[in-house]
Amino acid sequence: MVKSFQLARLPRILFREGIISQLPEQAALFGRNLVLVTGKSSFMSSARAEKLLTDFGRKGIAFHHVAINGEPSPSDIDSAVDALKGKPIDLIVGIGGGSVLDAGKALSAMINRPESVKRFLEGVGDLDHPGTKLPYVALPTTSGTGSEATKNAVISETGVNGFKKSLRHDNFVPDLAMIDPELSINCPPDITAASGMDCFTQLTEAYLSDKSFGYTDALAMEGLKAIKHSLVRCCRDGHDIEARAGMSFAALTSGICLANAGLGIVHGFASSVGGFYNVPHGLLCGTLMAKANEVNVRELRKRTDGQAALKKYALLGRLFLEETGKNDDYYIDGFITYLRKLTIDLGLTGLGNFGIGGKEIRLISAATENKNNPVKLASGEMEEILMSALSV
């Protein structure tokens, strides 16, 4: 029997090496006045940016530039909106990592609103956004969040009363996602590793999610095959364009999968930890992934209703181990061992380096959601996962 499901809206997707050359043409379909959202300096100081801005001029496209340094905060979005008020704007274009793409998404939703973005954040605000926005085009330069294919923009505010919450509406899915693997070539190895582990985690959690179904399973497995063949290669040689394309595909696919199947305990922690501490999202995912799946498997093995999820774990082991003739338990345990080794090989650092200590563990665990995980974890198991990640 086919499981009931619904599919989330997708952007129009263009995937090709060098596709950024078509951005002026695509942007002109929306208008001649745009806001260009990028990171602080890396893209804007590149030869690609110089050519892009020249091509904008040839097309008669005027632009305002907004630079985002790190994960966007409410004040970042509010300040950018204030600076752009009264200016004719037809389109928002985001070129950067997940934080930049989320910032662009939020700007497209808030540019014509008088309120602070904070008032519309899930679990924080007091208003529901009506879904009105300016057209938005997203071009990722890292292979991690898959934000180019999702409806939510993550906004963070760190500190004692901090949060990491989403501005979310079906209409906020980008109108156009242009995925150009060449844009990720100069991504540094540490960011490549961290964003790649975010992508890996999203695909794995969506595959194991209790909301998954046939389409998301099929997509997730294709993305995971790309992870297997491309992640380590990208970290070793950033100019391996075949591997970069594989990771670009995996990241896009992870965004589609999470939008439809949801995510598990690692991303639950990413939300709660991100509210208290300024920890790079992908690094957080990478340090938690092995232990989180180890605990999931242990708890699933105690249950009579955990066999379906354990079968999926065994399939993951078969994919990544490339060994034949073994039983399911061998592949399940082998997948966890693979994750542990990958964490070490990629040089991911422990969360203790960001000021997180044992006394904060209980507070963070209490603030962590445990939805869509293949097994419901108790507070003790969640604290165990976090403790293991303080040093890697």
Protein backbone atom coordinates (compact mmCIF):
# COMPACT_ATOMS: atom_id res chain seq x y z
CA MET A 1 0.00 0.00 0.00
CA VAL A 2 1.30 3.47 -0.91
CA LYS A 3 1.87 5.73 2.07
CA SER A 4 -0.03 9.03 1.97
CA PHE A 5 2.17 12.03 1.17
CA GLN A 6 2.29 15.56 -0.13
CA LEU A 7 5.08 17.29 -2.03
CA ALA A 8 6.31 20.76 -1.18
CA ARG A 9 6.63 23.46 -3.81
CA LEU A 10 9.90 23.56 -5.74
CA PRO A 11 11.65 26.48 -7.42
CA ARG A 12 12.43 26.46 -11.10
CA ILE A 13 15.87 24.79 -11.11
CA LEU A 14 18.77 25.38 -13.50
CA PHE A 15 21.81 23.15 -12.84
CA ARG A 16 24.93 23.51 -14.96
CA GLU A 17 28.58 24.46 -14.68
CA GLY A 18 28.90 28.12 -15.63
CA ILE A 19 25.16 28.82 -15.33
CA ILE A 20 25.90 32.07 -13.47
CA SER A 21 26.62 33.60 -16.88
CA GLN A 22 22.87 33.44 -17.51
CA LEU A 23 21.97 35.35 -14.36
CA PRO A 24 21.68 38.80 -16.02
CA GLU A 25 19.34 37.35 -18.64
CA GLN A 26 17.26 35.53 -16.02
CA ALA A 27 17.17 38.55 -13.71
CA ALA A 28 15.97 40.81 -16.50
CA LEU A 29 12.83 38.66 -16.77
CA PHE A 30 11.79 40.07 -13.36
CA GLY A 31 12.88 43.67 -13.82
CA ARG A 32 15.85 46.04 -14.02
CA ASN A 33 16.33 46.90 -10.34
CA LEU A 34 17.62 44.28 -7.96
CA VAL A 35 19.20 43.75 -4.56
CA LEU A 36 22.31 41.57 -4.63
CA VAL A 37 22.88 39.73 -1.34
CA THR A 38 26.32 38.17 -0.83
CA GLY A 39 28.79 37.27 1.89
CA LYS A 40 31.14 39.84 3.34
CA SER A 41 33.83 39.74 0.63
CA SER A 42 34.73 36.40 -0.96
CA PHE A 43 32.38 36.50 -3.92
CA MET A 44 32.44 40.26 -4.51
CA SER A 45 36.24 40.25 -4.73
CA SER A 46 36.27 37.46 -7.34
CA ALA A 47 36.68 37.65 -11.11
CA ARG A 48 33.23 36.08 -11.47
CA ALA A 49 31.66 38.97 -9.59
CA GLU A 50 33.50 41.51 -11.71
CA LYS A 51 32.19 39.89 -14.89
CA LEU A 52 28.68 39.55 -13.46
CA LEU A 53 28.47 43.23 -12.53
CA THR A 54 29.76 44.21 -15.98
CA ASP A 55 27.09 42.04 -17.56
CA PHE A 56 24.44 43.63 -15.32
CA GLY A 57 25.50 47.00 -16.71
CA ARG A 58 25.25 45.79 -20.28
CA LYS A 59 21.71 44.58 -19.57
CA GLY A 60 20.76 47.89 -17.99
CA ILE A 61 20.33 46.28 -14.57
CA ALA A 62 20.89 48.49 -11.52
CA PHE A 63 21.60 46.88 -8.16
CA HIS A 64 21.97 47.60 -4.45
CA HIS A 65 24.43 45.43 -2.53
CA VAL A 66 23.79 43.86 0.89
CA ALA A 67 26.65 41.99 2.61
CA ILE A 68 25.87 39.34 5.24
CA ASN A 69 28.61 38.21 7.60
CA GLY A 70 27.62 34.93 9.26
CA GLU A 71 24.15 33.68 10.13
CA PRO A 72 21.61 36.51 9.69
CA SER A 73 20.14 38.04 12.82
CA PRO A 74 16.87 39.98 13.08
CA SER A 75 18.86 43.23 13.25
CA ASP A 76 20.74 42.29 10.06
CA ILE A 77 17.48 41.86 8.16
CA ASP A 78 15.77 44.87 9.72
CA SER A 79 18.75 47.13 9.00
CA ALA A 80 18.94 46.02 5.38
CA VAL A 81 15.21 46.58 4.92
CA ASP A 82 15.47 50.08 6.41
CA ALA A 83 18.38 50.95 4.10
CA LEU A 84 16.40 49.84 1.05
CA LYS A 85 13.09 51.54 1.85
CA GLY A 86 11.81 53.81 -0.89
CA LYS A 87 14.11 52.36 -3.54
CA PRO A 88 12.60 50.74 -6.64
CA ILE A 89 13.31 47.01 -6.35
CA ASP A 90 12.01 44.27 -8.64
CA LEU A 91 14.05 41.29 -7.51
CA ILE A 92 16.30 39.91 -4.77
CA VAL A 93 19.32 37.80 -5.80
CA GLY A 94 21.27 35.80 -3.22
CA ILE A 95 24.74 34.46 -4.08
CA GLY A 96 26.51 32.70 -1.23
CA GLY A 97 26.32 30.00 1.40
CA GLY A 98 23.22 28.99 3.30
CA SER A 99 23.26 32.03 5.57
CA VAL A 100 23.39 34.39 2.59
CA LEU A 101 20.60 32.52 0.80
CA ASP A 102 18.46 32.64 3.95
CA ALA A 103 19.12 36.36 4.31
CA GLY A 104 18.06 36.96 0.73
CA LYS A 105 14.94 34.91 1.30
CA ALA A 106 14.10 36.95 4.38
CA LEU A 107 14.70 40.24 2.55
CA SER A 108 12.38 39.20 -0.26
CA ALA A 109 9.69 38.55 2.38
CA MET A 110 10.30 41.65 4.51
CA ILE A 111 11.25 44.40 2.04
CA ASN A 112 7.68 45.69 1.88
CA ARG A 113 6.74 45.04 5.50
CA PRO A 114 6.91 47.66 8.29
CA GLU A 115 7.41 45.17 11.13
CA SER A 116 10.61 43.59 12.41
CA VAL A 117 11.28 40.13 10.98
CA LYS A 118 11.41 38.86 14.57
CA ARG A 119 7.65 39.21 14.85
CA PHE A 120 7.17 36.55 12.16
CA LEU A 121 9.64 33.93 13.40
CA GLU A 122 8.22 30.56 14.45
CA GLY A 123 8.19 30.14 18.20
CA VAL A 124 9.36 33.73 18.76
CA GLY A 125 7.06 36.14 16.96
CA ASP A 126 3.43 37.05 17.44
CA LEU A 127 2.37 37.42 13.79
CA ASP A 128 1.77 35.14 10.81
CA HIS A 129 3.39 36.36 7.61
CA PRO A 130 0.89 36.70 4.75
CA GLY A 131 3.38 35.24 2.26
CA THR A 132 3.79 38.35 0.11
CA LYS A 133 7.32 38.78 -1.23
CA LEU A 134 9.49 40.03 -4.06
CA PRO A 135 10.77 37.51 -6.59
CA TYR A 136 13.91 35.75 -5.40
CA VAL A 137 16.75 34.02 -7.26
CA ALA A 138 19.18 31.86 -5.24
CA LEU A 139 22.70 30.80 -6.30
CA PRO A 140 24.55 28.67 -3.70
CA THR A 141 28.34 28.91 -3.40
CA THR A 142 28.64 26.11 -0.83
CA SER A 143 27.16 22.61 -0.83
CA GLY A 144 25.35 22.31 2.46
CA THR A 145 21.96 23.65 3.46
CA GLY A 146 19.93 23.23 0.27
CA SER A 147 18.29 26.57 1.11
CA GLU A 148 17.87 27.19 -2.61
CA ALA A 149 15.05 24.63 -2.57
CA THR A 150 13.27 25.35 0.73
CA LYS A 151 10.61 27.70 2.07
CA ASN A 152 12.32 28.72 5.31
CA ALA A 153 14.96 31.29 6.21
CA VAL A 154 16.84 30.59 9.43
CA ILE A 155 17.35 33.69 11.60
CA SER A 156 19.56 33.57 14.71
CA GLU A 157 20.15 35.61 17.82
CA THR A 158 22.75 34.21 20.20
CA GLY A 159 22.92 34.70 23.96
CA VAL A 160 21.08 33.80 27.14
CA ASN A 161 17.71 34.45 25.52
CA GLY A 162 18.95 33.50 22.07
CA PHE A 163 17.17 31.51 19.39
CA LYS A 164 17.62 29.98 15.98
CA LYS A 165 14.21 30.01 14.31
CA SER A 166 12.67 30.05 10.85
CA LEU A 167 10.79 32.63 8.86
CA ARG A 168 8.62 30.24 6.92
CA HIS A 169 5.89 30.28 4.27
CA ASP A 170 5.17 28.19 1.17
CA ASN A 171 5.57 31.32 -0.95
CA PHE A 172 9.14 31.87 0.28
CA VAL A 173 10.54 29.09 -1.89
CA PRO A 174 12.89 30.85 -4.36
CA ASP A 175 11.35 31.56 -7.73
CA LEU A 176 14.53 30.35 -9.40
CA ALA A 177 17.46 28.28 -8.12
CA MET A 178 20.60 28.44 -10.27
CA ILE A 179 23.09 25.79 -9.17
CA ASP A 180 26.56 26.32 -10.61
CA PRO A 181 29.17 23.89 -9.23
CA GLU A 182 31.93 26.25 -10.36
CA LEU A 183 30.84 28.74 -7.69
CA SER A 184 31.97 26.32 -4.96
CA ILE A 185 35.47 25.70 -6.34
CA ASN A 186 37.15 28.28 -4.10
CA CYS A 187 35.25 27.25 -0.96
CA PRO A 188 37.94 26.58 1.73
CA PRO A 189 38.46 22.96 2.89
CA ASP A 190 37.08 23.56 6.41
CA ILE A 191 33.87 25.12 5.08
CA THR A 192 33.65 22.43 2.39
CA ALA A 193 33.85 19.77 5.10
CA ALA A 194 31.39 21.43 7.47
CA SER A 195 28.80 22.26 4.80
CA GLY A 196 29.23 18.79 3.32
CA MET A 197 28.45 17.21 6.69
CA ASP A 198 25.36 19.38 6.97
CA CYS A 199 24.25 18.06 3.60
CA PHE A 200 25.13 14.47 4.60
CA THR A 201 23.17 14.85 7.83
CA GLN A 202 20.11 16.29 6.06
CA LEU A 203 19.99 13.46 3.55
CA THR A 204 20.44 10.82 6.26
CA GLU A 205 17.88 12.32 8.62
CA ALA A 206 15.31 12.83 5.85
CA TYR A 207 15.83 9.20 4.75
CA LEU A 208 15.33 7.92 8.31
CA SER A 209 12.53 10.37 9.17
CA ASP A 210 9.20 9.01 10.31
CA LYS A 211 7.67 11.35 7.69
CA SER A 212 9.68 9.92 4.78
CA PHE A 213 7.99 8.22 1.85
CA GLY A 214 8.91 6.63 -1.46
CA TYR A 215 9.86 9.78 -3.36
CA THR A 216 11.99 11.24 -0.57
CA ASP A 217 13.68 7.88 0.01
CA ALA A 218 14.61 7.63 -3.67
CA LEU A 219 15.90 11.19 -3.80
CA ALA A 220 17.82 10.83 -0.53
CA MET A 221 19.59 7.71 -1.74
CA GLU A 222 20.68 9.47 -4.93
CA GLY A 223 22.01 12.36 -2.86
CA LEU A 224 23.81 9.95 -0.52
CA LYS A 225 25.46 8.22 -3.47
CA ALA A 226 26.79 11.62 -4.50
CA ILE A 227 28.05 12.21 -0.93
CA LYS A 228 29.88 8.90 -1.00
CA HIS A 229 31.68 9.68 -4.25
CA SER A 230 32.24 13.41 -3.78
CA LEU A 231 32.54 14.68 -0.19
CA VAL A 232 36.04 13.49 0.69
CA ARG A 233 37.28 14.24 -2.83
CA CYS A 234 36.11 17.87 -2.53
CA CYS A 235 37.89 18.28 0.78
CA ARG A 236 41.12 16.91 -0.67
CA ASP A 237 40.97 18.81 -3.94
CA GLY A 238 38.63 21.78 -4.12
CA HIS A 239 39.20 22.14 -7.87
CA ASP A 240 37.83 18.67 -8.64
CA ILE A 241 34.84 19.95 -10.59
CA GLU A 242 33.26 16.52 -10.92
CA ALA A 243 33.25 16.15 -7.13
CA ARG A 244 32.03 19.73 -6.71
CA ALA A 245 29.12 18.98 -9.06
CA GLY A 246 28.32 15.86 -7.05
CA MET A 247 28.16 17.87 -3.84
CA SER A 248 26.09 20.62 -5.47
CA PHE A 249 23.62 17.94 -6.53
CA ALA A 250 23.64 16.37 -3.06
CA ALA A 251 22.98 19.71 -1.36
CA LEU A 252 20.10 20.60 -3.67
CA THR A 253 18.65 17.14 -3.13
CA SER A 254 19.01 17.45 0.65
CA GLY A 255 16.96 20.65 0.57
CA ILE A 256 14.20 18.95 -1.39
CA CYS A 257 14.21 15.97 0.96
CA LEU A 258 14.14 17.98 4.19
CA ALA A 259 11.31 20.15 2.86
CA ASN A 260 9.20 17.03 2.40
CA ALA A 261 10.34 14.56 5.07
CA GLY A 262 11.68 16.76 7.85
CA LEU A 263 14.84 16.21 9.88
CA GLY A 264 15.86 14.46 13.08
CA ILE A 265 17.67 14.94 16.37
CA VAL A 266 20.91 16.43 14.97
CA HIS A 267 19.02 19.35 13.47
CA GLY A 268 16.98 19.60 16.64
CA PHE A 269 20.26 20.24 18.43
CA ALA A 270 21.39 22.62 15.68
CA SER A 271 18.42 24.84 16.47
CA SER A 272 18.84 24.82 20.25
CA VAL A 273 22.65 25.06 20.36
CA GLY A 274 22.57 27.78 17.70
CA GLY A 275 20.45 29.94 19.99
CA PHE A 276 22.99 29.83 22.80
CA TYR A 277 26.32 29.66 21.01
CA ASN A 278 27.83 30.89 17.78
CA VAL A 279 28.75 27.46 16.38
CA PRO A 280 28.95 26.97 12.58
CA HIS A 281 25.90 24.93 11.63
CA GLY A 282 27.67 22.36 9.47
CA LEU A 283 30.38 21.78 12.06
CA LEU A 284 27.72 21.18 14.69
CA CYS A 285 25.99 18.63 12.47
CA GLY A 286 29.25 16.87 11.68
CA THR A 287 30.34 16.51 15.30
CA LEU A 288 26.95 15.16 16.40
CA MET A 289 26.16 12.85 13.53
CA ALA A 290 28.05 9.68 14.51
CA LYS A 291 26.94 9.64 18.14
CA ALA A 292 23.34 10.61 17.32
CA ASN A 293 23.00 7.70 14.92
CA GLU A 294 24.73 5.35 17.35
CA VAL A 295 22.17 6.23 20.02
CA ASN A 296 19.30 5.99 17.53
CA VAL A 297 20.37 2.47 16.55
CA ARG A 298 20.83 1.38 20.16
CA GLU A 299 17.35 2.57 21.10
CA LEU A 300 15.75 1.13 17.96
CA ARG A 301 17.21 -2.28 18.77
CA LYS A 302 15.37 -2.23 22.12
CA ARG A 303 12.00 -1.76 20.43
CA THR A 304 9.67 -4.15 18.66
CA ASP A 305 8.65 -1.46 16.15
CA GLY A 306 12.17 -0.37 15.13
CA GLN A 307 12.80 -2.90 12.38
CA ALA A 308 11.84 -0.68 9.43
CA ALA A 309 14.28 2.04 10.50
CA LEU A 310 17.01 -0.55 11.20
CA LYS A 311 16.54 -1.92 7.67
CA LYS A 312 17.21 1.58 6.37
CA TYR A 313 20.34 1.81 8.50
CA ALA A 314 21.49 -1.47 7.00
CA LEU A 315 20.97 -0.08 3.49
CA LEU A 316 23.08 2.94 4.41
CA GLY A 317 25.83 0.60 5.56
CA ARG A 318 25.67 -1.36 2.32
CA LEU A 319 26.00 1.89 0.35
CA PHE A 320 29.00 3.29 2.22
CA LEU A 321 30.91 0.10 3.10
CA GLU A 322 30.84 -1.60 -0.32
CA GLU A 323 31.05 -5.05 1.25
CA THR A 324 28.89 -8.02 0.35
CA GLY A 325 27.72 -11.14 2.11
CA LYS A 326 27.30 -9.64 5.60
CA ASN A 327 24.22 -9.48 7.81
CA ASP A 328 22.21 -6.36 8.63
CA ASP A 329 23.84 -5.80 12.01
CA TYR A 330 27.27 -5.73 10.40
CA TYR A 331 26.19 -3.03 7.95
CA ILE A 332 24.39 -1.01 10.62
CA ASP A 333 27.39 -0.96 12.94
CA GLY A 334 29.70 -0.38 9.99
CA PHE A 335 27.78 2.75 9.01
CA ILE A 336 28.26 4.20 12.51
CA THR A 337 31.98 3.36 12.35
CA TYR A 338 32.17 5.05 8.95
CA LEU A 339 30.65 8.22 10.40
CA ARG A 340 33.11 8.25 13.30
CA LYS A 341 36.08 7.86 10.97
CA LEU A 342 34.75 10.53 8.61
CA THR A 343 34.46 13.02 11.48
CA ILE A 344 38.13 12.47 12.30
CA ASP A 345 39.29 12.46 8.68
CA LEU A 346 37.59 15.79 7.99
CA GLY A 347 39.20 17.40 11.03
CA LEU A 348 35.98 18.56 12.65
CA THR A 349 36.52 20.14 16.07
CA GLY A 350 34.60 19.46 19.26
CA LEU A 351 31.87 21.73 20.57
CA GLY A 352 33.88 22.39 23.72
CA ASN A 353 36.04 24.72 21.63
CA PHE A 354 33.04 27.06 21.38
CA GLY A 355 32.54 27.44 25.11
CA ILE A 356 29.98 24.68 25.58
CA GLY A 357 30.57 22.79 28.83
CA GLY A 358 28.95 19.99 30.75
CA LYS A 359 26.82 22.32 32.85
CA GLU A 360 25.02 23.62 29.74
CA ILE A 361 24.14 20.16 28.43
CA ARG A 362 20.89 19.76 30.38
CA LEU A 363 19.70 23.26 29.45
CA ILE A 364 20.37 22.69 25.76
CA SER A 365 18.75 19.24 25.74
CA ALA A 366 15.61 20.61 27.40
CA ALA A 367 15.31 23.19 24.61
CA THR A 368 15.79 20.62 21.82
CA GLU A 369 12.95 19.31 19.67
CA ASN A 370 12.95 15.60 18.82
CA LYS A 371 10.49 15.46 15.94
CA ASN A 372 10.77 13.25 12.84
CA ASN A 373 13.61 11.24 14.42
CA PRO A 374 13.19 7.47 13.77
CA VAL A 375 12.97 6.90 17.54
CA LYS A 376 11.86 9.15 20.39
CA LEU A 377 14.86 9.91 22.61
CA ALA A 378 14.66 10.62 26.33
CA SER A 379 16.54 13.52 27.91
CA GLY A 380 19.30 11.20 29.10
CA GLU A 381 20.04 9.98 25.59
CA MET A 382 20.02 13.52 24.23
CA GLU A 383 22.46 14.65 26.91
CA GLU A 384 24.69 11.68 26.07
CA ILE A 385 24.84 12.75 22.43
CA LEU A 386 25.83 16.30 23.33
CA MET A 387 28.44 15.23 25.87
CA SER A 388 30.16 13.06 23.27
CA ALA A 389 30.53 16.07 20.95
CA LEU A 390 32.36 18.34 23.41
CA SER A 391 35.63 16.80 22.22
CA VAL A 392 36.02 14.86 18.98
